[in-house]
N, C-alpha and C. Protein backbone atom coordinates (compact mmCIF):
# COMPACT_ATOMS: atom_id res chain seq x y z
N MET A 1 -5.63 -9.20 58.62
CA MET A 1 -6.22 -9.04 59.95
C MET A 1 -5.33 -8.17 60.82
N LYS A 2 -5.95 -7.46 61.75
CA LYS A 2 -5.20 -6.53 62.60
C LYS A 2 -4.13 -7.26 63.42
N ASP A 3 -4.43 -8.48 63.88
CA ASP A 3 -3.48 -9.23 64.70
C ASP A 3 -2.23 -9.62 63.93
N ASP A 4 -2.32 -9.61 62.59
CA ASP A 4 -1.17 -9.97 61.76
C ASP A 4 -0.20 -8.81 61.58
N ILE A 5 -0.62 -7.60 61.94
CA ILE A 5 0.23 -6.42 61.75
C ILE A 5 1.22 -6.33 62.90
N LEU A 6 2.51 -6.32 62.55
CA LEU A 6 3.56 -6.23 63.57
C LEU A 6 3.96 -4.78 63.83
N ILE A 7 4.01 -3.99 62.77
CA ILE A 7 4.41 -2.60 62.94
C ILE A 7 3.57 -1.72 62.02
N SER A 8 3.14 -0.57 62.56
CA SER A 8 2.34 0.35 61.75
C SER A 8 2.70 1.78 62.10
N ALA A 9 2.53 2.63 61.12
CA ALA A 9 2.76 4.06 61.29
C ALA A 9 1.53 4.81 60.80
N ASP A 10 1.15 5.86 61.52
CA ASP A 10 -0.01 6.65 61.16
C ASP A 10 0.39 8.12 61.04
N ARG A 11 0.36 8.61 59.80
CA ARG A 11 0.62 10.02 59.50
C ARG A 11 1.93 10.51 60.11
N LEU A 12 2.96 9.71 59.91
CA LEU A 12 4.27 9.98 60.50
C LEU A 12 4.97 11.13 59.79
N GLY A 13 5.52 12.03 60.58
CA GLY A 13 6.28 13.15 60.01
C GLY A 13 7.54 13.41 60.82
N LYS A 14 8.57 13.90 60.12
CA LYS A 14 9.81 14.27 60.80
C LYS A 14 10.32 15.56 60.19
N ARG A 15 10.50 16.57 61.06
CA ARG A 15 11.00 17.87 60.62
C ARG A 15 12.14 18.28 61.54
N VAL A 16 13.14 18.96 60.97
CA VAL A 16 14.27 19.45 61.76
C VAL A 16 14.52 20.91 61.41
N SER A 17 15.08 21.63 62.39
CA SER A 17 15.40 23.04 62.17
C SER A 17 16.79 23.16 61.56
N THR A 18 16.94 24.02 60.58
CA THR A 18 18.22 24.30 59.95
C THR A 18 18.42 25.81 59.92
N PRO A 19 19.64 26.27 59.63
CA PRO A 19 19.86 27.72 59.53
C PRO A 19 18.98 28.39 58.48
N ASP A 20 18.52 27.60 57.50
CA ASP A 20 17.67 28.16 56.45
C ASP A 20 16.18 27.98 56.72
N GLY A 21 15.87 27.46 57.90
CA GLY A 21 14.46 27.23 58.24
C GLY A 21 14.18 25.76 58.50
N GLU A 22 12.90 25.43 58.61
CA GLU A 22 12.51 24.05 58.92
C GLU A 22 12.62 23.17 57.68
N LEU A 23 13.20 21.99 57.87
CA LEU A 23 13.37 21.03 56.78
C LEU A 23 12.49 19.82 57.06
N THR A 24 11.64 19.47 56.10
CA THR A 24 10.79 18.29 56.22
C THR A 24 11.51 17.09 55.64
N ILE A 25 11.77 16.09 56.49
CA ILE A 25 12.44 14.87 56.05
C ILE A 25 11.42 13.80 55.67
N LEU A 26 10.37 13.67 56.48
CA LEU A 26 9.27 12.74 56.19
C LEU A 26 7.95 13.47 56.37
N ASP A 27 6.99 13.13 55.51
CA ASP A 27 5.72 13.86 55.53
C ASP A 27 4.56 12.89 55.34
N ASP A 28 3.73 12.75 56.37
CA ASP A 28 2.45 12.04 56.27
C ASP A 28 2.62 10.59 55.80
N ILE A 29 3.46 9.84 56.51
CA ILE A 29 3.72 8.44 56.15
C ILE A 29 2.80 7.53 56.96
N SER A 30 1.99 6.75 56.27
CA SER A 30 1.15 5.73 56.90
C SER A 30 1.44 4.40 56.23
N LEU A 31 1.67 3.37 57.04
CA LEU A 31 1.98 2.05 56.50
C LEU A 31 1.74 0.99 57.55
N ALA A 32 1.71 -0.26 57.10
CA ALA A 32 1.60 -1.40 58.00
C ALA A 32 2.42 -2.54 57.43
N VAL A 33 3.12 -3.24 58.30
CA VAL A 33 3.95 -4.38 57.92
C VAL A 33 3.49 -5.60 58.71
N ASN A 34 3.22 -6.69 58.01
CA ASN A 34 2.69 -7.89 58.65
C ASN A 34 3.79 -8.76 59.25
N ARG A 35 3.41 -9.58 60.19
CA ARG A 35 4.33 -10.56 60.78
C ARG A 35 4.85 -11.50 59.69
N GLY A 36 6.16 -11.70 59.71
CA GLY A 36 6.78 -12.62 58.77
C GLY A 36 7.03 -12.05 57.39
N GLU A 37 6.65 -10.82 57.16
CA GLU A 37 6.81 -10.20 55.85
C GLU A 37 8.23 -9.67 55.68
N SER A 38 8.71 -9.67 54.44
CA SER A 38 9.96 -8.98 54.11
C SER A 38 9.60 -7.76 53.27
N CYS A 39 10.10 -6.61 53.70
CA CYS A 39 9.70 -5.35 53.08
C CYS A 39 10.94 -4.49 52.84
N ALA A 40 11.12 -4.04 51.62
CA ALA A 40 12.25 -3.19 51.26
C ALA A 40 11.79 -1.74 51.11
N VAL A 41 12.53 -0.83 51.75
CA VAL A 41 12.28 0.60 51.59
C VAL A 41 13.30 1.13 50.58
N VAL A 42 12.80 1.64 49.47
CA VAL A 42 13.67 2.06 48.37
C VAL A 42 13.40 3.52 48.04
N GLY A 43 14.34 4.10 47.30
CA GLY A 43 14.19 5.48 46.88
C GLY A 43 15.54 6.14 46.75
N PRO A 44 15.60 7.34 46.17
CA PRO A 44 16.87 8.03 45.97
C PRO A 44 17.49 8.46 47.29
N SER A 45 18.79 8.74 47.26
CA SER A 45 19.48 9.23 48.45
C SER A 45 18.81 10.53 48.92
N GLY A 46 18.67 10.65 50.24
CA GLY A 46 18.05 11.85 50.79
C GLY A 46 16.55 11.83 50.82
N SER A 47 15.93 10.68 50.48
CA SER A 47 14.47 10.63 50.44
C SER A 47 13.85 10.31 51.79
N GLY A 48 14.69 10.02 52.82
CA GLY A 48 14.16 9.78 54.16
C GLY A 48 14.09 8.33 54.57
N LYS A 49 14.75 7.44 53.82
CA LYS A 49 14.63 6.00 54.09
C LYS A 49 15.18 5.62 55.47
N SER A 50 16.40 6.03 55.75
CA SER A 50 17.01 5.67 57.04
C SER A 50 16.28 6.34 58.20
N THR A 51 15.80 7.56 57.99
CA THR A 51 15.01 8.24 59.02
C THR A 51 13.74 7.46 59.33
N LEU A 52 13.07 6.96 58.29
CA LEU A 52 11.87 6.17 58.48
C LEU A 52 12.17 4.91 59.29
N LEU A 53 13.25 4.23 58.95
CA LEU A 53 13.62 3.02 59.67
C LEU A 53 13.87 3.33 61.15
N GLY A 54 14.57 4.42 61.42
CA GLY A 54 14.85 4.80 62.79
C GLY A 54 13.60 5.12 63.58
N LEU A 55 12.62 5.76 62.94
CA LEU A 55 11.36 6.07 63.62
C LEU A 55 10.55 4.81 63.90
N LEU A 56 10.51 3.90 62.93
CA LEU A 56 9.75 2.67 63.11
C LEU A 56 10.36 1.80 64.21
N ALA A 57 11.69 1.88 64.35
CA ALA A 57 12.38 1.07 65.36
C ALA A 57 12.41 1.76 66.72
N GLY A 58 11.95 3.00 66.80
CA GLY A 58 11.99 3.72 68.07
C GLY A 58 13.36 4.25 68.43
N LEU A 59 14.28 4.33 67.46
CA LEU A 59 15.58 4.91 67.71
C LEU A 59 15.52 6.44 67.68
N ASP A 60 14.46 6.96 67.06
CA ASP A 60 14.25 8.40 66.97
C ASP A 60 12.76 8.65 67.21
N VAL A 61 12.40 9.89 67.47
CA VAL A 61 11.00 10.21 67.71
C VAL A 61 10.49 11.12 66.58
N PRO A 62 9.24 10.93 66.17
CA PRO A 62 8.70 11.74 65.07
C PRO A 62 8.29 13.13 65.55
N SER A 63 8.16 14.04 64.60
CA SER A 63 7.61 15.35 64.90
C SER A 63 6.09 15.31 64.95
N SER A 64 5.51 14.34 64.25
CA SER A 64 4.06 14.16 64.25
C SER A 64 3.75 12.72 63.91
N GLY A 65 2.54 12.30 64.25
CA GLY A 65 2.12 10.94 63.95
C GLY A 65 2.55 9.96 65.03
N SER A 66 2.30 8.68 64.77
CA SER A 66 2.55 7.66 65.78
C SER A 66 3.02 6.36 65.14
N VAL A 67 3.69 5.54 65.97
CA VAL A 67 4.18 4.22 65.57
C VAL A 67 3.72 3.21 66.61
N VAL A 68 3.20 2.09 66.14
CA VAL A 68 2.85 0.96 67.00
C VAL A 68 3.74 -0.21 66.62
N LEU A 69 4.51 -0.71 67.57
CA LEU A 69 5.43 -1.83 67.35
C LEU A 69 5.01 -2.99 68.22
N ASP A 70 4.56 -4.05 67.60
CA ASP A 70 4.14 -5.26 68.31
C ASP A 70 3.14 -4.94 69.41
N GLY A 71 2.17 -4.10 69.06
CA GLY A 71 1.11 -3.75 70.00
C GLY A 71 1.42 -2.63 70.96
N GLN A 72 2.65 -2.09 70.93
CA GLN A 72 3.07 -1.03 71.84
C GLN A 72 3.13 0.32 71.10
N HIS A 73 2.47 1.34 71.63
CA HIS A 73 2.53 2.68 71.05
C HIS A 73 3.84 3.32 71.48
N ILE A 74 4.88 3.10 70.70
CA ILE A 74 6.22 3.49 71.16
C ILE A 74 6.44 5.01 71.14
N THR A 75 5.66 5.74 70.35
CA THR A 75 5.85 7.19 70.31
C THR A 75 5.37 7.85 71.61
N ALA A 76 4.61 7.12 72.42
CA ALA A 76 4.15 7.67 73.70
C ALA A 76 5.14 7.38 74.83
N LEU A 77 6.24 6.68 74.51
CA LEU A 77 7.20 6.26 75.52
C LEU A 77 8.44 7.13 75.51
N ASP A 78 9.15 7.18 76.65
CA ASP A 78 10.44 7.85 76.67
C ASP A 78 11.52 6.90 76.14
N GLU A 79 12.76 7.35 76.11
CA GLU A 79 13.83 6.56 75.51
C GLU A 79 13.99 5.21 76.20
N ASP A 80 13.92 5.19 77.53
CA ASP A 80 14.05 3.93 78.26
C ASP A 80 12.88 3.00 77.95
N GLY A 81 11.71 3.56 77.83
CA GLY A 81 10.53 2.75 77.50
C GLY A 81 10.62 2.13 76.12
N ARG A 82 11.11 2.92 75.16
CA ARG A 82 11.26 2.38 73.80
C ARG A 82 12.33 1.30 73.78
N ALA A 83 13.41 1.50 74.54
CA ALA A 83 14.46 0.48 74.60
C ALA A 83 13.92 -0.81 75.20
N ALA A 84 13.05 -0.71 76.19
CA ALA A 84 12.46 -1.89 76.81
C ALA A 84 11.58 -2.66 75.82
N VAL A 85 10.86 -1.93 74.97
CA VAL A 85 10.04 -2.58 73.94
C VAL A 85 10.92 -3.30 72.93
N ARG A 86 12.04 -2.67 72.56
CA ARG A 86 12.93 -3.27 71.56
C ARG A 86 13.62 -4.53 72.08
N LEU A 87 13.90 -4.57 73.38
CA LEU A 87 14.69 -5.66 73.94
C LEU A 87 14.02 -7.01 73.68
N GLY A 88 14.71 -7.85 72.94
CA GLY A 88 14.20 -9.18 72.65
C GLY A 88 13.21 -9.22 71.50
N ARG A 89 12.69 -8.05 71.08
CA ARG A 89 11.73 -8.00 69.97
C ARG A 89 12.37 -7.56 68.67
N VAL A 90 13.42 -6.75 68.76
CA VAL A 90 13.96 -6.05 67.60
C VAL A 90 15.44 -6.34 67.44
N GLY A 91 15.85 -6.65 66.21
CA GLY A 91 17.26 -6.79 65.87
C GLY A 91 17.65 -5.76 64.83
N PHE A 92 18.95 -5.43 64.76
CA PHE A 92 19.43 -4.42 63.84
C PHE A 92 20.66 -4.92 63.10
N VAL A 93 20.73 -4.58 61.82
CA VAL A 93 21.94 -4.77 61.02
C VAL A 93 22.20 -3.45 60.30
N PHE A 94 23.42 -2.92 60.48
CA PHE A 94 23.77 -1.62 59.92
C PHE A 94 24.80 -1.77 58.80
N GLN A 95 24.85 -0.77 57.94
CA GLN A 95 25.81 -0.76 56.84
C GLN A 95 27.25 -0.82 57.35
N SER A 96 27.51 -0.17 58.50
CA SER A 96 28.87 -0.08 59.03
C SER A 96 29.19 -1.18 60.04
N PHE A 97 28.36 -2.22 60.09
CA PHE A 97 28.56 -3.43 60.91
C PHE A 97 28.34 -3.18 62.40
N GLN A 98 28.95 -2.13 62.97
CA GLN A 98 28.76 -1.76 64.38
C GLN A 98 29.19 -2.87 65.33
N LEU A 99 30.25 -3.59 64.99
CA LEU A 99 30.81 -4.57 65.92
C LEU A 99 31.72 -3.86 66.92
N LEU A 100 31.82 -4.41 68.11
CA LEU A 100 32.74 -3.85 69.10
C LEU A 100 34.14 -4.38 68.82
N PRO A 101 35.10 -3.49 68.54
CA PRO A 101 36.41 -3.93 68.04
C PRO A 101 37.23 -4.73 69.04
N ASN A 102 36.98 -4.54 70.34
CA ASN A 102 37.78 -5.24 71.35
C ASN A 102 37.16 -6.57 71.77
N LEU A 103 36.09 -6.98 71.08
CA LEU A 103 35.46 -8.26 71.34
C LEU A 103 35.63 -9.17 70.13
N THR A 104 35.78 -10.48 70.38
CA THR A 104 35.86 -11.44 69.29
C THR A 104 34.50 -11.59 68.62
N ALA A 105 34.49 -12.32 67.52
CA ALA A 105 33.22 -12.58 66.82
C ALA A 105 32.22 -13.23 67.77
N LEU A 106 32.68 -14.24 68.51
CA LEU A 106 31.79 -14.92 69.45
C LEU A 106 31.31 -13.97 70.54
N GLU A 107 32.20 -13.15 71.08
CA GLU A 107 31.82 -12.23 72.15
C GLU A 107 30.83 -11.17 71.66
N ASN A 108 30.98 -10.73 70.41
CA ASN A 108 30.01 -9.78 69.84
C ASN A 108 28.62 -10.40 69.77
N VAL A 109 28.55 -11.67 69.37
CA VAL A 109 27.26 -12.35 69.28
C VAL A 109 26.70 -12.65 70.66
N LEU A 110 27.59 -12.94 71.61
CA LEU A 110 27.18 -13.24 72.98
C LEU A 110 26.54 -12.05 73.69
N LEU A 111 26.96 -10.86 73.34
CA LEU A 111 26.62 -9.67 74.13
C LEU A 111 25.13 -9.52 74.40
N PRO A 112 24.24 -9.59 73.39
CA PRO A 112 22.81 -9.43 73.70
C PRO A 112 22.29 -10.49 74.65
N LEU A 113 22.81 -11.70 74.55
CA LEU A 113 22.39 -12.78 75.44
C LEU A 113 22.84 -12.54 76.87
N GLU A 114 24.07 -12.04 77.01
CA GLU A 114 24.60 -11.77 78.35
C GLU A 114 23.85 -10.63 79.03
N LEU A 115 23.40 -9.67 78.24
CA LEU A 115 22.62 -8.57 78.81
C LEU A 115 21.32 -9.07 79.42
N LEU A 116 20.82 -10.19 78.90
CA LEU A 116 19.61 -10.80 79.44
C LEU A 116 19.92 -11.93 80.41
N ASP A 117 21.21 -12.13 80.68
CA ASP A 117 21.65 -13.14 81.64
C ASP A 117 21.15 -14.54 81.26
N ARG A 118 21.28 -14.85 79.96
CA ARG A 118 20.85 -16.17 79.48
C ARG A 118 21.87 -17.23 79.88
N ARG A 119 21.42 -18.28 80.55
CA ARG A 119 22.32 -19.34 80.97
C ARG A 119 22.90 -20.11 79.79
N ASP A 120 22.15 -20.16 78.70
CA ASP A 120 22.60 -20.91 77.51
C ASP A 120 23.30 -20.01 76.51
N ALA A 121 23.78 -18.85 76.96
CA ALA A 121 24.32 -17.84 76.05
C ALA A 121 25.43 -18.40 75.16
N GLY A 122 26.39 -19.11 75.74
CA GLY A 122 27.52 -19.60 74.95
C GLY A 122 27.08 -20.55 73.85
N ALA A 123 26.22 -21.49 74.18
CA ALA A 123 25.77 -22.47 73.19
C ALA A 123 24.96 -21.81 72.09
N VAL A 124 24.09 -20.86 72.46
CA VAL A 124 23.25 -20.19 71.47
C VAL A 124 24.11 -19.33 70.54
N ALA A 125 25.07 -18.60 71.09
CA ALA A 125 25.94 -17.75 70.27
C ALA A 125 26.76 -18.60 69.29
N ARG A 126 27.30 -19.71 69.76
CA ARG A 126 28.08 -20.59 68.88
C ARG A 126 27.20 -21.17 67.77
N ASP A 127 25.97 -21.52 68.13
CA ASP A 127 25.04 -22.05 67.13
C ASP A 127 24.77 -21.04 66.03
N TRP A 128 24.58 -19.75 66.40
CA TRP A 128 24.30 -18.73 65.39
C TRP A 128 25.53 -18.40 64.56
N LEU A 129 26.71 -18.43 65.15
CA LEU A 129 27.91 -18.27 64.34
C LEU A 129 28.03 -19.40 63.32
N ASP A 130 27.67 -20.60 63.74
CA ASP A 130 27.70 -21.74 62.83
C ASP A 130 26.66 -21.57 61.71
N ARG A 131 25.48 -21.05 62.05
CA ARG A 131 24.43 -20.84 61.05
C ARG A 131 24.88 -19.88 59.95
N VAL A 132 25.70 -18.88 60.31
CA VAL A 132 26.16 -17.93 59.30
C VAL A 132 27.52 -18.32 58.73
N GLY A 133 27.96 -19.54 59.05
CA GLY A 133 29.18 -20.09 58.45
C GLY A 133 30.47 -19.56 59.02
N LEU A 134 30.47 -19.15 60.30
CA LEU A 134 31.67 -18.54 60.89
C LEU A 134 32.12 -19.25 62.16
N ALA A 135 31.76 -20.50 62.33
CA ALA A 135 32.16 -21.22 63.54
C ALA A 135 33.68 -21.23 63.70
N ALA A 136 34.40 -21.33 62.58
CA ALA A 136 35.86 -21.40 62.64
C ALA A 136 36.50 -20.05 62.92
N ARG A 137 35.72 -18.98 62.90
CA ARG A 137 36.27 -17.63 63.09
C ARG A 137 35.83 -17.04 64.43
N ALA A 138 35.33 -17.87 65.33
CA ALA A 138 34.75 -17.38 66.58
C ALA A 138 35.73 -16.55 67.41
N ALA A 139 37.00 -16.92 67.40
CA ALA A 139 37.99 -16.25 68.25
C ALA A 139 38.66 -15.07 67.55
N HIS A 140 38.25 -14.74 66.34
CA HIS A 140 38.85 -13.63 65.60
C HIS A 140 38.18 -12.31 65.96
N TYR A 141 38.99 -11.26 65.98
CA TYR A 141 38.48 -9.92 66.23
C TYR A 141 38.02 -9.29 64.91
N PRO A 142 37.16 -8.25 64.97
CA PRO A 142 36.65 -7.66 63.74
C PRO A 142 37.73 -7.27 62.72
N HIS A 143 38.87 -6.73 63.19
CA HIS A 143 39.90 -6.31 62.24
C HIS A 143 40.55 -7.50 61.54
N GLN A 144 40.31 -8.70 62.05
CA GLN A 144 40.85 -9.91 61.43
C GLN A 144 39.85 -10.56 60.47
N LEU A 145 38.70 -9.94 60.31
CA LEU A 145 37.64 -10.49 59.46
C LEU A 145 37.43 -9.61 58.24
N SER A 146 37.03 -10.21 57.14
CA SER A 146 36.67 -9.44 55.95
C SER A 146 35.36 -8.71 56.19
N GLY A 147 35.03 -7.79 55.27
CA GLY A 147 33.77 -7.06 55.40
C GLY A 147 32.57 -7.99 55.42
N GLY A 148 32.58 -8.98 54.54
CA GLY A 148 31.47 -9.92 54.50
C GLY A 148 31.36 -10.74 55.77
N GLU A 149 32.51 -11.12 56.33
CA GLU A 149 32.50 -11.88 57.58
C GLU A 149 31.99 -11.01 58.73
N GLN A 150 32.42 -9.75 58.76
CA GLN A 150 31.92 -8.85 59.81
C GLN A 150 30.40 -8.69 59.71
N GLN A 151 29.90 -8.58 58.49
CA GLN A 151 28.46 -8.43 58.35
C GLN A 151 27.72 -9.69 58.76
N ARG A 152 28.32 -10.85 58.52
CA ARG A 152 27.70 -12.11 58.96
C ARG A 152 27.68 -12.20 60.50
N VAL A 153 28.73 -11.71 61.14
CA VAL A 153 28.72 -11.64 62.60
C VAL A 153 27.59 -10.72 63.06
N ALA A 154 27.44 -9.59 62.39
CA ALA A 154 26.37 -8.65 62.74
C ALA A 154 25.00 -9.28 62.55
N VAL A 155 24.84 -10.07 61.50
CA VAL A 155 23.56 -10.76 61.27
C VAL A 155 23.31 -11.77 62.38
N ALA A 156 24.33 -12.54 62.75
CA ALA A 156 24.18 -13.51 63.84
C ALA A 156 23.80 -12.81 65.13
N ARG A 157 24.46 -11.68 65.43
CA ARG A 157 24.14 -10.92 66.64
C ARG A 157 22.70 -10.42 66.61
N ALA A 158 22.24 -10.00 65.43
CA ALA A 158 20.88 -9.48 65.31
C ALA A 158 19.83 -10.56 65.52
N PHE A 159 20.15 -11.79 65.08
CA PHE A 159 19.16 -12.87 65.15
C PHE A 159 19.27 -13.70 66.42
N VAL A 160 20.30 -13.49 67.24
CA VAL A 160 20.57 -14.40 68.34
C VAL A 160 19.44 -14.44 69.37
N LEU A 161 18.70 -13.35 69.51
CA LEU A 161 17.56 -13.33 70.42
C LEU A 161 16.26 -13.70 69.71
N GLU A 162 16.37 -14.11 68.45
CA GLU A 162 15.21 -14.47 67.63
C GLU A 162 14.14 -13.38 67.71
N PRO A 163 14.47 -12.16 67.25
CA PRO A 163 13.54 -11.04 67.36
C PRO A 163 12.32 -11.22 66.47
N ALA A 164 11.26 -10.49 66.82
CA ALA A 164 10.06 -10.50 66.00
C ALA A 164 10.30 -9.77 64.68
N ILE A 165 11.18 -8.76 64.71
CA ILE A 165 11.45 -7.98 63.50
C ILE A 165 12.93 -7.60 63.45
N LEU A 166 13.47 -7.64 62.26
CA LEU A 166 14.85 -7.21 62.03
C LEU A 166 14.83 -6.00 61.10
N PHE A 167 15.45 -4.91 61.56
CA PHE A 167 15.64 -3.73 60.74
C PHE A 167 17.07 -3.74 60.19
N ALA A 168 17.21 -3.57 58.90
CA ALA A 168 18.53 -3.58 58.27
C ALA A 168 18.66 -2.32 57.40
N ASP A 169 19.70 -1.53 57.69
CA ASP A 169 19.92 -0.28 56.96
C ASP A 169 21.11 -0.46 56.02
N GLU A 170 20.83 -0.60 54.74
CA GLU A 170 21.86 -0.82 53.71
C GLU A 170 22.80 -1.97 54.11
N PRO A 171 22.26 -3.16 54.36
CA PRO A 171 23.10 -4.25 54.85
C PRO A 171 24.15 -4.73 53.87
N THR A 172 23.99 -4.40 52.59
CA THR A 172 24.98 -4.81 51.58
C THR A 172 25.75 -3.61 51.02
N GLY A 173 25.54 -2.43 51.60
CA GLY A 173 26.07 -1.20 51.02
C GLY A 173 27.58 -1.11 50.97
N ASN A 174 28.28 -1.71 51.95
CA ASN A 174 29.74 -1.64 52.01
C ASN A 174 30.42 -2.90 51.50
N LEU A 175 29.69 -3.73 50.78
CA LEU A 175 30.21 -5.02 50.35
C LEU A 175 30.30 -5.10 48.83
N ASP A 176 31.24 -5.93 48.36
CA ASP A 176 31.29 -6.17 46.91
C ASP A 176 30.05 -6.95 46.49
N THR A 177 29.83 -7.02 45.18
CA THR A 177 28.58 -7.58 44.65
C THR A 177 28.35 -9.02 45.11
N ALA A 178 29.39 -9.85 44.98
CA ALA A 178 29.24 -11.27 45.33
C ALA A 178 28.97 -11.45 46.82
N THR A 179 29.73 -10.73 47.66
CA THR A 179 29.54 -10.84 49.10
C THR A 179 28.18 -10.27 49.51
N GLY A 180 27.81 -9.16 48.90
CA GLY A 180 26.50 -8.56 49.17
C GLY A 180 25.37 -9.51 48.85
N GLN A 181 25.52 -10.27 47.76
CA GLN A 181 24.48 -11.23 47.40
C GLN A 181 24.37 -12.34 48.43
N ARG A 182 25.52 -12.77 48.97
CA ARG A 182 25.50 -13.81 50.01
C ARG A 182 24.81 -13.31 51.27
N ILE A 183 25.07 -12.05 51.65
CA ILE A 183 24.43 -11.48 52.82
C ILE A 183 22.92 -11.34 52.58
N ALA A 184 22.54 -10.89 51.39
CA ALA A 184 21.12 -10.77 51.05
C ALA A 184 20.43 -12.13 51.13
N ASP A 185 21.07 -13.14 50.56
CA ASP A 185 20.49 -14.49 50.60
C ASP A 185 20.34 -14.97 52.04
N LEU A 186 21.34 -14.66 52.88
CA LEU A 186 21.31 -15.08 54.27
C LEU A 186 20.15 -14.41 55.01
N LEU A 187 19.99 -13.10 54.84
CA LEU A 187 18.91 -12.38 55.50
C LEU A 187 17.55 -12.94 55.10
N LEU A 188 17.37 -13.17 53.81
CA LEU A 188 16.08 -13.66 53.32
C LEU A 188 15.83 -15.09 53.77
N ALA A 189 16.89 -15.90 53.85
CA ALA A 189 16.73 -17.27 54.32
C ALA A 189 16.33 -17.30 55.79
N LEU A 190 16.96 -16.44 56.60
CA LEU A 190 16.61 -16.38 58.01
C LEU A 190 15.19 -15.86 58.20
N ASN A 191 14.80 -14.88 57.39
CA ASN A 191 13.43 -14.38 57.41
C ASN A 191 12.45 -15.51 57.08
N ARG A 192 12.77 -16.28 56.07
CA ARG A 192 11.88 -17.37 55.64
C ARG A 192 11.86 -18.51 56.65
N ASP A 193 13.04 -18.90 57.15
CA ASP A 193 13.13 -20.08 58.00
C ASP A 193 12.70 -19.81 59.43
N ARG A 194 12.95 -18.59 59.93
CA ARG A 194 12.63 -18.27 61.33
C ARG A 194 11.34 -17.48 61.48
N GLY A 195 10.78 -17.00 60.36
CA GLY A 195 9.55 -16.22 60.44
C GLY A 195 9.73 -14.82 60.95
N THR A 196 10.98 -14.35 60.99
CA THR A 196 11.27 -13.00 61.46
C THR A 196 10.88 -11.98 60.39
N THR A 197 10.11 -10.98 60.80
CA THR A 197 9.77 -9.90 59.88
C THR A 197 11.05 -9.14 59.53
N LEU A 198 11.23 -8.86 58.25
CA LEU A 198 12.44 -8.19 57.77
C LEU A 198 12.04 -6.88 57.11
N MET A 199 12.60 -5.79 57.63
CA MET A 199 12.37 -4.48 57.01
C MET A 199 13.71 -3.83 56.77
N LEU A 200 14.00 -3.55 55.51
CA LEU A 200 15.34 -3.08 55.18
C LEU A 200 15.31 -1.90 54.22
N VAL A 201 16.31 -1.06 54.39
CA VAL A 201 16.59 0.03 53.45
C VAL A 201 17.68 -0.45 52.52
N THR A 202 17.49 -0.28 51.22
CA THR A 202 18.51 -0.75 50.29
C THR A 202 18.46 0.01 48.97
N HIS A 203 19.65 0.12 48.36
CA HIS A 203 19.76 0.56 46.98
C HIS A 203 19.99 -0.63 46.05
N ASP A 204 20.08 -1.82 46.64
CA ASP A 204 20.35 -3.05 45.89
C ASP A 204 19.04 -3.53 45.25
N ALA A 205 18.93 -3.35 43.93
CA ALA A 205 17.68 -3.67 43.24
C ALA A 205 17.33 -5.15 43.35
N ARG A 206 18.34 -6.02 43.33
CA ARG A 206 18.07 -7.46 43.43
C ARG A 206 17.53 -7.83 44.80
N LEU A 207 18.11 -7.24 45.84
CA LEU A 207 17.63 -7.52 47.19
C LEU A 207 16.21 -6.99 47.37
N ALA A 208 15.95 -5.79 46.89
CA ALA A 208 14.60 -5.23 47.00
C ALA A 208 13.57 -6.10 46.27
N ALA A 209 13.95 -6.56 45.08
CA ALA A 209 13.02 -7.37 44.28
C ALA A 209 12.73 -8.72 44.93
N ALA A 210 13.68 -9.21 45.74
CA ALA A 210 13.50 -10.51 46.39
C ALA A 210 12.59 -10.42 47.61
N CYS A 211 12.31 -9.22 48.09
CA CYS A 211 11.43 -9.05 49.24
C CYS A 211 9.96 -9.19 48.82
N ASP A 212 9.11 -9.44 49.79
CA ASP A 212 7.68 -9.60 49.51
C ASP A 212 7.08 -8.31 48.96
N ARG A 213 7.59 -7.18 49.42
CA ARG A 213 6.97 -5.90 49.08
C ARG A 213 8.02 -4.80 49.10
N GLN A 214 7.79 -3.77 48.29
CA GLN A 214 8.66 -2.60 48.30
C GLN A 214 7.84 -1.36 48.65
N LEU A 215 8.43 -0.51 49.50
CA LEU A 215 7.86 0.79 49.81
C LEU A 215 8.79 1.84 49.23
N ALA A 216 8.29 2.65 48.32
CA ALA A 216 9.12 3.65 47.64
C ALA A 216 8.92 5.02 48.26
N LEU A 217 10.05 5.65 48.63
CA LEU A 217 10.02 7.01 49.16
C LEU A 217 10.64 7.97 48.16
N ASP A 218 10.08 9.14 48.07
CA ASP A 218 10.67 10.21 47.26
C ASP A 218 10.28 11.54 47.89
N GLY A 219 11.27 12.34 48.23
CA GLY A 219 11.00 13.63 48.84
C GLY A 219 10.28 13.52 50.16
N GLY A 220 10.53 12.43 50.88
CA GLY A 220 9.94 12.26 52.21
C GLY A 220 8.51 11.74 52.21
N ARG A 221 8.00 11.33 51.04
CA ARG A 221 6.64 10.82 50.96
C ARG A 221 6.63 9.46 50.28
N LEU A 222 5.67 8.64 50.66
CA LEU A 222 5.47 7.36 49.98
C LEU A 222 4.88 7.60 48.60
N VAL A 223 5.42 6.90 47.61
CA VAL A 223 4.92 7.04 46.24
C VAL A 223 4.52 5.66 45.73
N ALA A 224 3.69 5.65 44.73
CA ALA A 224 3.21 4.39 44.16
C ALA A 224 4.36 3.69 43.46
């Protein structure tokens, strides 16, 4: 049903100018992702996976086509408008963690809540650190945490506002196999338990296979 669709793209394209001429990164992408679904975007390096994620999240604008996120036509909005749509609706987890180095684990998780002036910010942030198994590391700074711990802080920060959708770009890419599996299990458990739609880019075959659906890109186009 149409009401079940959280995010959709219609004939999405992305082209950039280079010294050798125009380069097509994405070409004629149409898709729909349902509420509560977990969806993996897979394909070889350079196939446009991260670009697609950025367009769907409104972090970038397409050269053609349109994106609807939770009922909002975000391609018709300016940068501030897209940011307003994302606020409280969208969470992000990046390969490079993107934690603020001068903030503790707790303060990193607190930040989105404080931006919304939530009175319960401290209790909610501590609860999410506990959910990802890092309650004892709340006062540690990123450089005092392992890669897996930093990624768990990033996951807690992404989920702290209980977004409708979480975008994850290679969330296990910088982690060893065992730690990457724990992060994958955590993301899928939170997707299952909280009903958050999960859309991720990954080269991790096990993580992709554990998702409800896979979207394969090659040469900037969706393939069967």
